[in-house]
């Protein structure tokens, strides 16, 4: 493991228990403080809520697009980071972690709607740290398993910021799998 081995260990822990840790943190943060009206105004609060809904909806749409075009095993294998293949098609050709980008948009939207100091000061940094360490753990695994192929992929594709140039061309030859999307929404994974 590289110099940040303790971050990779934390990421492995979060990967394994994220289905427990994430909802517990979301609920705990919601219970810490009552939501506030933006500027004490119902009008501005409605504007803020609309912005939060748009952020969360954009994250959900991104996740649905990723899952329908090319999907990775979200849960790994036995709740450990794992991959049979290095997925580089679909949205993964434009961002190495599009599902996590979608999750972050959903969470930021939630915290904007909640509009509490706890959401902004605890929730946003906590989930940024959670996803950062999970990504480090996944990258460590992928680098060891796929070696130079993964290193080349990292040089060509951004970790979090999607480069949407050529996305239409990437998706042109692909078929959207509605059944997979529905199955993943119902069953998860």
N, C-alpha and C. Protein backbone atom coordinates (compact mmCIF):
# COMPACT_ATOMS: atom_id res chain seq x y z
N UNK A 1 0.84 -1.19 0.00
CA UNK A 1 0.00 0.00 0.00
C UNK A 1 0.88 1.25 0.00
N UNK A 2 0.47 2.28 -0.76
CA UNK A 2 1.26 3.51 -0.78
C UNK A 2 1.20 4.23 0.56
N UNK A 3 1.81 5.42 0.64
CA UNK A 3 1.93 6.18 1.87
C UNK A 3 0.64 6.39 2.64
N UNK A 4 -0.50 6.46 1.97
CA UNK A 4 -1.78 6.67 2.65
C UNK A 4 -2.46 5.37 3.03
N UNK A 5 -1.67 4.39 3.50
CA UNK A 5 -2.24 3.06 3.77
C UNK A 5 -3.34 3.11 4.82
N UNK A 6 -3.25 4.01 5.79
CA UNK A 6 -4.31 4.09 6.79
C UNK A 6 -5.60 4.60 6.16
N UNK A 7 -5.50 5.46 5.16
CA UNK A 7 -6.71 5.91 4.45
C UNK A 7 -7.32 4.77 3.65
N UNK A 8 -6.48 3.91 3.09
CA UNK A 8 -6.98 2.76 2.35
C UNK A 8 -7.69 1.80 3.30
N UNK A 9 -7.13 1.60 4.48
CA UNK A 9 -7.79 0.73 5.48
C UNK A 9 -9.15 1.30 5.90
N UNK A 10 -9.19 2.61 6.11
CA UNK A 10 -10.47 3.26 6.44
C UNK A 10 -11.44 3.10 5.29
N UNK A 11 -10.95 3.26 4.06
CA UNK A 11 -11.79 3.09 2.88
C UNK A 11 -12.33 1.68 2.76
N UNK A 12 -11.52 0.69 3.09
CA UNK A 12 -11.99 -0.70 3.07
C UNK A 12 -13.09 -0.91 4.11
N UNK A 13 -12.93 -0.30 5.29
CA UNK A 13 -13.96 -0.38 6.32
C UNK A 13 -15.26 0.26 5.82
N UNK A 14 -15.15 1.50 5.29
CA UNK A 14 -16.34 2.19 4.80
C UNK A 14 -16.98 1.43 3.64
N UNK A 15 -16.18 0.85 2.76
CA UNK A 15 -16.73 0.07 1.65
C UNK A 15 -17.58 -1.07 2.19
N UNK A 16 -17.04 -1.75 3.18
CA UNK A 16 -17.73 -2.92 3.74
C UNK A 16 -19.03 -2.53 4.47
N UNK A 17 -19.01 -1.42 5.17
CA UNK A 17 -20.14 -1.04 6.02
C UNK A 17 -20.91 0.19 5.54
N UNK A 18 -20.70 0.62 4.31
CA UNK A 18 -21.34 1.85 3.85
C UNK A 18 -22.86 1.78 3.84
N UNK A 19 -23.41 0.58 3.62
CA UNK A 19 -24.88 0.46 3.62
C UNK A 19 -25.46 0.64 5.01
N UNK A 20 -24.65 0.58 6.03
CA UNK A 20 -25.07 0.85 7.41
C UNK A 20 -24.66 2.27 7.82
N UNK A 21 -23.40 2.61 7.57
CA UNK A 21 -22.85 3.90 8.01
C UNK A 21 -23.57 5.07 7.35
N UNK A 22 -23.78 5.00 6.05
CA UNK A 22 -24.37 6.14 5.33
C UNK A 22 -25.77 6.50 5.83
N UNK A 23 -26.71 5.56 5.89
CA UNK A 23 -28.04 5.96 6.38
C UNK A 23 -28.03 6.41 7.84
N UNK A 24 -27.20 5.79 8.67
CA UNK A 24 -27.14 6.20 10.08
C UNK A 24 -26.66 7.65 10.17
N UNK A 25 -25.63 8.01 9.38
CA UNK A 25 -25.14 9.39 9.40
C UNK A 25 -26.17 10.37 8.86
N UNK A 26 -26.85 10.01 7.79
CA UNK A 26 -27.87 10.90 7.21
C UNK A 26 -28.97 11.16 8.25
N UNK A 27 -29.42 10.12 8.91
CA UNK A 27 -30.48 10.27 9.92
C UNK A 27 -29.96 11.05 11.13
N UNK A 28 -28.76 10.73 11.60
CA UNK A 28 -28.20 11.43 12.76
C UNK A 28 -28.07 12.92 12.48
N UNK A 29 -27.59 13.28 11.30
CA UNK A 29 -27.43 14.69 10.96
C UNK A 29 -28.78 15.38 10.87
N UNK A 30 -29.78 14.69 10.34
CA UNK A 30 -31.13 15.26 10.25
C UNK A 30 -31.71 15.51 11.64
N UNK A 31 -31.36 14.65 12.59
CA UNK A 31 -31.91 14.78 13.95
C UNK A 31 -31.16 15.79 14.81
N UNK A 32 -29.98 16.20 14.39
CA UNK A 32 -29.17 17.12 15.20
C UNK A 32 -29.79 18.50 15.32
N UNK A 33 -30.37 19.00 14.25
CA UNK A 33 -30.91 20.36 14.25
C UNK A 33 -32.15 20.42 13.37
N UNK A 34 -33.00 21.37 13.71
CA UNK A 34 -34.17 21.60 12.86
C UNK A 34 -33.76 22.36 11.60
N UNK A 35 -34.38 22.03 10.47
CA UNK A 35 -34.09 22.80 9.25
C UNK A 35 -34.39 24.28 9.46
N UNK A 36 -33.67 25.12 8.74
CA UNK A 36 -33.84 26.57 8.87
C UNK A 36 -34.40 27.15 7.57
N UNK A 37 -35.13 28.23 7.71
CA UNK A 37 -35.57 28.98 6.54
C UNK A 37 -34.39 29.83 6.05
N UNK A 38 -34.14 29.84 4.77
CA UNK A 38 -33.08 30.67 4.22
C UNK A 38 -33.47 32.13 4.37
N UNK A 39 -32.62 32.92 4.99
CA UNK A 39 -32.87 34.34 5.26
C UNK A 39 -34.17 34.56 6.04
N UNK A 40 -34.64 33.52 6.74
CA UNK A 40 -35.88 33.63 7.50
C UNK A 40 -37.11 33.76 6.62
N UNK A 41 -37.00 33.44 5.35
CA UNK A 41 -38.07 33.65 4.38
C UNK A 41 -38.52 32.33 3.77
N UNK A 42 -39.82 32.12 3.75
CA UNK A 42 -40.36 30.93 3.11
C UNK A 42 -40.08 30.94 1.60
N UNK A 43 -40.13 32.11 1.00
CA UNK A 43 -39.84 32.22 -0.44
C UNK A 43 -38.42 31.73 -0.74
N UNK A 44 -37.43 32.29 -0.05
CA UNK A 44 -36.04 31.91 -0.31
C UNK A 44 -35.77 30.48 0.11
N UNK A 45 -36.48 30.00 1.11
CA UNK A 45 -36.34 28.60 1.50
C UNK A 45 -36.86 27.68 0.39
N UNK A 46 -37.95 28.08 -0.25
CA UNK A 46 -38.49 27.29 -1.37
C UNK A 46 -37.50 27.29 -2.53
N UNK A 47 -36.83 28.42 -2.77
CA UNK A 47 -35.81 28.49 -3.82
C UNK A 47 -34.66 27.55 -3.48
N UNK A 48 -34.22 27.57 -2.23
CA UNK A 48 -33.15 26.68 -1.78
C UNK A 48 -33.57 25.22 -1.89
N UNK A 49 -34.80 24.92 -1.48
CA UNK A 49 -35.31 23.55 -1.60
C UNK A 49 -35.33 23.10 -3.06
N UNK A 50 -35.75 23.98 -3.96
CA UNK A 50 -35.78 23.65 -5.38
C UNK A 50 -34.36 23.35 -5.89
N UNK A 51 -33.39 24.15 -5.45
CA UNK A 51 -32.00 23.91 -5.85
C UNK A 51 -31.52 22.55 -5.31
N UNK A 52 -31.89 22.23 -4.07
CA UNK A 52 -31.51 20.94 -3.49
C UNK A 52 -32.15 19.78 -4.23
N UNK A 53 -33.41 19.93 -4.60
CA UNK A 53 -34.10 18.87 -5.34
C UNK A 53 -33.44 18.70 -6.71
N UNK A 54 -33.08 19.80 -7.37
CA UNK A 54 -32.42 19.69 -8.68
C UNK A 54 -31.05 19.00 -8.56
N UNK A 55 -30.30 19.33 -7.51
CA UNK A 55 -29.02 18.65 -7.29
C UNK A 55 -29.23 17.15 -7.07
N UNK A 56 -30.15 16.82 -6.18
CA UNK A 56 -30.41 15.40 -5.88
C UNK A 56 -30.94 14.67 -7.12
N UNK A 57 -31.83 15.30 -7.84
CA UNK A 57 -32.38 14.70 -9.05
C UNK A 57 -31.29 14.49 -10.11
N UNK A 58 -30.39 15.46 -10.26
CA UNK A 58 -29.31 15.30 -11.23
C UNK A 58 -28.41 14.14 -10.83
N UNK A 59 -28.17 13.96 -9.54
CA UNK A 59 -27.38 12.81 -9.08
C UNK A 59 -28.09 11.50 -9.37
N UNK A 60 -29.39 11.47 -9.17
CA UNK A 60 -30.15 10.25 -9.42
C UNK A 60 -30.20 9.93 -10.92
N UNK A 61 -30.34 10.97 -11.75
CA UNK A 61 -30.35 10.77 -13.20
C UNK A 61 -28.99 10.26 -13.66
N UNK A 62 -27.91 10.83 -13.13
CA UNK A 62 -26.57 10.35 -13.48
C UNK A 62 -26.41 8.89 -13.10
N UNK A 63 -26.83 8.53 -11.90
CA UNK A 63 -26.72 7.13 -11.47
C UNK A 63 -27.53 6.21 -12.40
N UNK A 64 -28.74 6.62 -12.75
CA UNK A 64 -29.58 5.81 -13.64
C UNK A 64 -28.93 5.66 -15.01
N UNK A 65 -28.32 6.72 -15.52
CA UNK A 65 -27.65 6.64 -16.81
C UNK A 65 -26.46 5.69 -16.75
N UNK A 66 -25.67 5.81 -15.70
CA UNK A 66 -24.49 4.95 -15.56
C UNK A 66 -24.91 3.48 -15.48
N UNK A 67 -25.86 3.19 -14.62
CA UNK A 67 -26.30 1.81 -14.42
C UNK A 67 -26.89 1.22 -15.70
N UNK A 68 -27.65 2.01 -16.44
CA UNK A 68 -28.28 1.51 -17.66
C UNK A 68 -27.31 1.25 -18.79
N UNK A 69 -26.23 2.01 -18.88
CA UNK A 69 -25.29 1.85 -19.99
C UNK A 69 -24.14 0.89 -19.67
N UNK A 70 -23.56 0.99 -18.52
CA UNK A 70 -22.44 0.10 -18.16
C UNK A 70 -22.39 0.10 -16.64
N UNK A 71 -22.37 -1.06 -16.06
CA UNK A 71 -22.48 -1.14 -14.61
C UNK A 71 -21.32 -1.93 -14.03
N UNK A 72 -20.90 -1.54 -12.85
CA UNK A 72 -19.88 -2.28 -12.12
C UNK A 72 -20.54 -2.94 -10.92
N UNK A 73 -19.90 -3.93 -10.38
CA UNK A 73 -20.42 -4.59 -9.18
C UNK A 73 -20.24 -3.65 -8.00
N UNK A 74 -21.32 -2.96 -7.63
CA UNK A 74 -21.28 -1.95 -6.58
C UNK A 74 -20.82 -2.53 -5.25
N UNK A 75 -21.27 -3.71 -4.92
CA UNK A 75 -20.97 -4.28 -3.61
C UNK A 75 -19.68 -5.06 -3.55
N UNK A 76 -18.93 -5.09 -4.66
CA UNK A 76 -17.70 -5.86 -4.67
C UNK A 76 -18.01 -7.35 -4.56
N UNK A 77 -17.18 -8.05 -3.82
CA UNK A 77 -17.37 -9.48 -3.60
C UNK A 77 -17.21 -9.73 -2.11
N UNK A 78 -18.21 -10.32 -1.49
CA UNK A 78 -18.21 -10.55 -0.05
C UNK A 78 -17.96 -9.24 0.72
N UNK A 79 -18.56 -8.15 0.22
CA UNK A 79 -18.46 -6.81 0.80
C UNK A 79 -17.02 -6.29 0.89
N UNK A 80 -16.19 -6.81 0.01
CA UNK A 80 -14.81 -6.34 -0.14
C UNK A 80 -14.66 -5.75 -1.53
N UNK A 81 -13.74 -4.80 -1.68
CA UNK A 81 -13.47 -4.24 -3.00
C UNK A 81 -13.07 -5.37 -3.93
N UNK A 82 -13.71 -5.43 -5.10
CA UNK A 82 -13.42 -6.49 -6.05
C UNK A 82 -13.89 -6.07 -7.44
N UNK A 83 -13.21 -6.57 -8.46
CA UNK A 83 -13.64 -6.36 -9.84
C UNK A 83 -13.12 -7.50 -10.70
N UNK A 84 -13.99 -8.04 -11.56
CA UNK A 84 -13.58 -9.06 -12.54
C UNK A 84 -12.86 -8.41 -13.70
N UNK A 85 -13.40 -7.25 -14.11
CA UNK A 85 -12.87 -6.54 -15.26
C UNK A 85 -12.71 -5.06 -14.92
N UNK A 86 -11.91 -4.39 -15.70
CA UNK A 86 -11.74 -2.95 -15.55
C UNK A 86 -12.76 -2.28 -16.48
N UNK A 87 -13.83 -1.77 -15.90
CA UNK A 87 -14.91 -1.17 -16.69
C UNK A 87 -14.44 0.21 -17.16
N UNK A 88 -14.41 0.38 -18.48
CA UNK A 88 -13.97 1.65 -19.07
C UNK A 88 -14.95 2.17 -20.12
N UNK A 89 -16.10 1.53 -20.24
CA UNK A 89 -17.06 1.96 -21.25
C UNK A 89 -18.17 2.80 -20.61
N UNK A 90 -19.02 3.34 -21.48
CA UNK A 90 -20.12 4.18 -21.01
C UNK A 90 -19.59 5.41 -20.30
N UNK A 91 -20.24 5.78 -19.23
CA UNK A 91 -19.82 6.97 -18.47
C UNK A 91 -18.44 6.79 -17.84
N UNK A 92 -18.01 5.53 -17.65
CA UNK A 92 -16.69 5.28 -17.07
C UNK A 92 -15.57 5.68 -18.03
N UNK A 93 -15.90 5.95 -19.28
CA UNK A 93 -14.92 6.47 -20.23
C UNK A 93 -14.71 7.97 -20.04
N UNK A 94 -15.56 8.59 -19.22
CA UNK A 94 -15.51 10.05 -19.03
C UNK A 94 -15.30 10.46 -17.58
N UNK A 95 -15.42 9.52 -16.67
CA UNK A 95 -15.23 9.77 -15.24
C UNK A 95 -15.02 8.41 -14.58
N UNK A 96 -13.98 8.28 -13.75
CA UNK A 96 -13.70 6.98 -13.15
C UNK A 96 -14.71 6.61 -12.06
N UNK A 97 -15.40 7.57 -11.50
CA UNK A 97 -16.32 7.30 -10.38
C UNK A 97 -17.67 7.99 -10.57
N UNK A 98 -18.35 7.75 -11.69
CA UNK A 98 -19.60 8.48 -11.92
C UNK A 98 -20.71 8.13 -10.92
N UNK A 99 -20.72 6.92 -10.39
CA UNK A 99 -21.75 6.57 -9.41
C UNK A 99 -21.52 7.35 -8.11
N UNK A 100 -20.28 7.52 -7.71
CA UNK A 100 -19.98 8.29 -6.51
C UNK A 100 -20.26 9.78 -6.72
N UNK A 101 -20.01 10.27 -7.93
CA UNK A 101 -20.36 11.66 -8.24
C UNK A 101 -21.87 11.82 -8.10
N UNK A 102 -22.64 10.86 -8.60
CA UNK A 102 -24.10 10.90 -8.44
C UNK A 102 -24.51 10.87 -6.99
N UNK A 103 -23.88 9.99 -6.21
CA UNK A 103 -24.19 9.92 -4.77
C UNK A 103 -23.91 11.26 -4.09
N UNK A 104 -22.79 11.87 -4.42
CA UNK A 104 -22.43 13.15 -3.80
C UNK A 104 -23.43 14.24 -4.17
N UNK A 105 -23.87 14.27 -5.42
CA UNK A 105 -24.89 15.25 -5.81
C UNK A 105 -26.18 15.04 -5.02
N UNK A 106 -26.57 13.79 -4.84
CA UNK A 106 -27.77 13.48 -4.06
C UNK A 106 -27.61 13.96 -2.62
N UNK A 107 -26.46 13.67 -2.02
CA UNK A 107 -26.23 14.08 -0.63
C UNK A 107 -26.15 15.59 -0.48
N UNK A 108 -25.46 16.26 -1.39
CA UNK A 108 -25.39 17.72 -1.32
C UNK A 108 -26.79 18.30 -1.46
N UNK A 109 -27.57 17.77 -2.39
CA UNK A 109 -28.95 18.22 -2.53
C UNK A 109 -29.73 18.05 -1.24
N UNK A 110 -29.55 16.92 -0.59
CA UNK A 110 -30.22 16.65 0.69
C UNK A 110 -29.79 17.67 1.75
N UNK A 111 -28.50 17.95 1.84
CA UNK A 111 -28.02 18.90 2.85
C UNK A 111 -28.45 20.32 2.53
N UNK A 112 -28.59 20.66 1.26
CA UNK A 112 -29.10 21.98 0.88
C UNK A 112 -30.56 22.10 1.30
N UNK A 113 -31.34 21.06 1.07
CA UNK A 113 -32.75 21.08 1.49
C UNK A 113 -32.84 21.15 3.01
N UNK A 114 -32.02 20.37 3.70
CA UNK A 114 -32.01 20.37 5.16
C UNK A 114 -31.62 21.74 5.70
N UNK A 115 -30.61 22.36 5.09
CA UNK A 115 -30.15 23.70 5.42
C UNK A 115 -29.87 23.89 6.91
N UNK A 116 -29.01 23.04 7.45
CA UNK A 116 -28.59 23.19 8.84
C UNK A 116 -27.06 23.26 8.90
N UNK A 117 -26.52 23.93 9.92
CA UNK A 117 -25.07 23.92 10.09
C UNK A 117 -24.51 22.50 10.20
N UNK A 118 -25.22 21.61 10.87
CA UNK A 118 -24.75 20.22 11.00
C UNK A 118 -24.62 19.56 9.64
N UNK A 119 -25.56 19.81 8.76
CA UNK A 119 -25.50 19.24 7.42
C UNK A 119 -24.29 19.73 6.66
N UNK A 120 -24.05 21.04 6.72
CA UNK A 120 -22.94 21.62 5.97
C UNK A 120 -21.59 21.33 6.64
N UNK A 121 -21.52 21.42 7.97
CA UNK A 121 -20.24 21.33 8.67
C UNK A 121 -19.85 19.91 9.06
N UNK A 122 -20.83 19.02 9.17
CA UNK A 122 -20.53 17.63 9.53
C UNK A 122 -20.83 16.71 8.34
N UNK A 123 -22.01 16.84 7.76
CA UNK A 123 -22.44 15.93 6.70
C UNK A 123 -21.57 16.00 5.46
N UNK A 124 -21.39 17.20 4.92
CA UNK A 124 -20.62 17.33 3.67
C UNK A 124 -19.18 16.84 3.86
N UNK A 125 -18.46 17.30 4.91
CA UNK A 125 -17.09 16.78 5.08
C UNK A 125 -17.05 15.27 5.36
N UNK A 126 -18.00 14.77 6.15
CA UNK A 126 -17.99 13.34 6.45
C UNK A 126 -18.14 12.51 5.17
N UNK A 127 -19.12 12.85 4.35
CA UNK A 127 -19.33 12.06 3.14
C UNK A 127 -18.23 12.27 2.11
N UNK A 128 -17.63 13.46 2.07
CA UNK A 128 -16.47 13.66 1.19
C UNK A 128 -15.34 12.73 1.64
N UNK A 129 -15.12 12.64 2.94
CA UNK A 129 -14.08 11.75 3.47
C UNK A 129 -14.43 10.29 3.21
N UNK A 130 -15.68 9.91 3.44
CA UNK A 130 -16.11 8.54 3.21
C UNK A 130 -15.83 8.12 1.76
N UNK A 131 -16.29 8.93 0.79
CA UNK A 131 -16.10 8.56 -0.61
C UNK A 131 -14.63 8.65 -1.02
N UNK A 132 -13.91 9.63 -0.50
CA UNK A 132 -12.49 9.75 -0.82
C UNK A 132 -11.74 8.48 -0.40
N UNK A 133 -11.99 8.02 0.81
CA UNK A 133 -11.26 6.83 1.29
C UNK A 133 -11.72 5.56 0.56
N UNK A 134 -13.00 5.46 0.25
CA UNK A 134 -13.47 4.30 -0.53
C UNK A 134 -12.79 4.29 -1.90
N UNK A 135 -12.72 5.44 -2.54
CA UNK A 135 -12.07 5.52 -3.85
C UNK A 135 -10.59 5.13 -3.74
N UNK A 136 -9.92 5.59 -2.68
CA UNK A 136 -8.51 5.21 -2.50
C UNK A 136 -8.37 3.69 -2.34
N UNK A 137 -9.27 3.07 -1.59
CA UNK A 137 -9.23 1.61 -1.42
C UNK A 137 -9.49 0.90 -2.74
N UNK A 138 -10.46 1.39 -3.51
CA UNK A 138 -10.76 0.79 -4.81
C UNK A 138 -9.59 0.97 -5.77
N UNK A 139 -9.01 2.17 -5.77
CA UNK A 139 -7.88 2.42 -6.67
C UNK A 139 -6.69 1.52 -6.31
N UNK A 140 -6.46 1.32 -5.03
CA UNK A 140 -5.36 0.44 -4.61
C UNK A 140 -5.59 -0.97 -5.15
N UNK A 141 -6.81 -1.47 -5.01
CA UNK A 141 -7.14 -2.81 -5.52
C UNK A 141 -6.97 -2.87 -7.04
N UNK A 142 -7.55 -1.90 -7.74
CA UNK A 142 -7.52 -1.91 -9.20
C UNK A 142 -6.09 -1.77 -9.74
N UNK A 143 -5.29 -0.95 -9.08
CA UNK A 143 -3.90 -0.77 -9.50
C UNK A 143 -3.12 -2.08 -9.35
N UNK A 144 -3.36 -2.80 -8.26
CA UNK A 144 -2.67 -4.07 -8.06
C UNK A 144 -3.17 -5.14 -9.02
N UNK A 145 -4.47 -5.17 -9.29
CA UNK A 145 -5.04 -6.22 -10.14
C UNK A 145 -4.78 -5.98 -11.63
N UNK A 146 -4.98 -4.75 -12.09
CA UNK A 146 -4.92 -4.48 -13.53
C UNK A 146 -3.64 -3.75 -13.95
N UNK A 147 -2.80 -3.42 -13.00
CA UNK A 147 -1.47 -2.85 -13.21
C UNK A 147 -1.44 -1.74 -14.25
N UNK A 148 -0.68 -1.91 -15.32
CA UNK A 148 -0.47 -0.83 -16.28
C UNK A 148 -1.76 -0.42 -17.00
N UNK A 149 -2.70 -1.34 -17.17
CA UNK A 149 -3.99 -0.98 -17.80
C UNK A 149 -4.72 0.05 -16.94
N UNK A 150 -4.68 -0.15 -15.63
CA UNK A 150 -5.37 0.79 -14.74
C UNK A 150 -4.62 2.13 -14.67
N UNK A 151 -3.31 2.08 -14.65
CA UNK A 151 -2.52 3.31 -14.62
C UNK A 151 -2.80 4.13 -15.88
N UNK A 152 -2.87 3.48 -17.04
CA UNK A 152 -3.19 4.18 -18.30
C UNK A 152 -4.60 4.78 -18.23
N UNK A 153 -5.54 4.02 -17.70
CA UNK A 153 -6.92 4.50 -17.55
C UNK A 153 -6.94 5.75 -16.66
N UNK A 154 -6.19 5.73 -15.56
CA UNK A 154 -6.13 6.89 -14.66
C UNK A 154 -5.57 8.12 -15.35
N UNK A 155 -4.59 7.93 -16.22
CA UNK A 155 -4.01 9.06 -16.94
C UNK A 155 -4.99 9.63 -17.97
N UNK A 156 -5.87 8.80 -18.48
CA UNK A 156 -6.79 9.22 -19.54
C UNK A 156 -8.12 9.77 -19.03
N UNK A 157 -8.53 9.34 -17.82
CA UNK A 157 -9.88 9.67 -17.34
C UNK A 157 -9.79 10.28 -15.94
N UNK A 158 -10.51 11.40 -15.74
CA UNK A 158 -10.54 12.07 -14.43
C UNK A 158 -11.17 11.20 -13.37
N UNK A 159 -10.74 11.39 -12.14
CA UNK A 159 -11.26 10.64 -11.00
C UNK A 159 -12.71 11.04 -10.70
N UNK A 160 -12.98 12.33 -10.58
CA UNK A 160 -14.32 12.79 -10.17
C UNK A 160 -14.98 13.75 -11.15
N UNK A 161 -14.22 14.59 -11.79
CA UNK A 161 -14.81 15.61 -12.66
C UNK A 161 -15.01 15.03 -14.06
N UNK A 162 -16.26 14.82 -14.45
CA UNK A 162 -16.51 14.22 -15.77
C UNK A 162 -16.04 15.12 -16.90
N UNK A 163 -15.44 14.53 -17.89
CA UNK A 163 -15.11 15.21 -19.14
C UNK A 163 -16.12 14.71 -20.15
N UNK A 164 -17.11 15.52 -20.43
CA UNK A 164 -18.24 15.08 -21.24
C UNK A 164 -18.00 15.17 -22.74
N UNK A 165 -16.82 15.65 -23.13
CA UNK A 165 -16.52 15.68 -24.57
C UNK A 165 -16.54 14.25 -25.11
N UNK A 166 -17.28 14.07 -26.18
CA UNK A 166 -17.35 12.76 -26.82
C UNK A 166 -18.32 11.78 -26.16
N UNK A 167 -19.08 12.23 -25.17
CA UNK A 167 -20.02 11.33 -24.48
C UNK A 167 -21.05 10.76 -25.45
N UNK A 168 -21.59 11.60 -26.30
CA UNK A 168 -22.60 11.12 -27.27
C UNK A 168 -22.02 10.02 -28.14
N UNK A 169 -20.80 10.20 -28.62
CA UNK A 169 -20.14 9.19 -29.45
C UNK A 169 -19.92 7.90 -28.64
N UNK A 170 -19.53 8.05 -27.38
CA UNK A 170 -19.32 6.89 -26.52
C UNK A 170 -20.60 6.07 -26.37
N UNK A 171 -21.72 6.76 -26.17
CA UNK A 171 -22.98 6.07 -25.89
C UNK A 171 -23.70 5.61 -27.16
N UNK A 172 -23.33 6.16 -28.32
CA UNK A 172 -24.01 5.82 -29.58
C UNK A 172 -24.08 4.31 -29.83
N UNK A 173 -23.02 3.60 -29.61
CA UNK A 173 -23.01 2.17 -29.91
C UNK A 173 -23.53 1.31 -28.78
N UNK A 174 -23.98 1.91 -27.70
CA UNK A 174 -24.41 1.14 -26.54
C UNK A 174 -25.93 1.07 -26.47
N UNK A 175 -26.42 0.01 -25.88
CA UNK A 175 -27.86 -0.15 -25.67
C UNK A 175 -28.15 0.07 -24.18
N UNK A 176 -29.19 0.86 -23.92
CA UNK A 176 -29.57 1.14 -22.54
C UNK A 176 -30.35 -0.06 -22.00
N UNK A 177 -29.97 -0.54 -20.82
CA UNK A 177 -30.59 -1.72 -20.22
C UNK A 177 -31.54 -1.29 -19.09
N UNK A 178 -32.81 -1.07 -19.46
CA UNK A 178 -33.83 -0.66 -18.49
C UNK A 178 -34.05 -1.74 -17.42
N UNK A 179 -33.98 -2.99 -17.83
CA UNK A 179 -34.20 -4.09 -16.87
C UNK A 179 -33.15 -4.07 -15.77
N UNK A 180 -31.89 -3.84 -16.16
CA UNK A 180 -30.82 -3.78 -15.16
C UNK A 180 -31.06 -2.61 -14.20
N UNK A 181 -31.46 -1.46 -14.74
CA UNK A 181 -31.73 -0.31 -13.88
C UNK A 181 -32.82 -0.64 -12.87
N UNK A 182 -33.92 -1.20 -13.35
CA UNK A 182 -35.04 -1.53 -12.45
C UNK A 182 -34.61 -2.58 -11.44
N UNK A 183 -33.89 -3.59 -11.89
CA UNK A 183 -33.41 -4.64 -10.98
C UNK A 183 -32.50 -4.06 -9.90
N UNK A 184 -31.60 -3.16 -10.27
CA UNK A 184 -30.67 -2.57 -9.30
C UNK A 184 -31.40 -1.63 -8.35
N UNK A 185 -32.46 -0.98 -8.84
CA UNK A 185 -33.23 -0.09 -7.97
C UNK A 185 -34.02 -0.89 -6.94
N UNK A 186 -34.53 -2.05 -7.36
CA UNK A 186 -35.35 -2.86 -6.47
C UNK A 186 -34.49 -3.71 -5.54
N UNK A 187 -33.53 -4.41 -6.11
CA UNK A 187 -32.72 -5.34 -5.34
C UNK A 187 -31.48 -4.68 -4.77
N UNK A 188 -30.95 -3.68 -5.45
CA UNK A 188 -29.70 -3.04 -5.02
C UNK A 188 -28.51 -3.77 -5.57
N UNK A 189 -27.34 -3.32 -5.12
CA UNK A 189 -26.10 -3.98 -5.56
C UNK A 189 -25.46 -3.34 -6.72
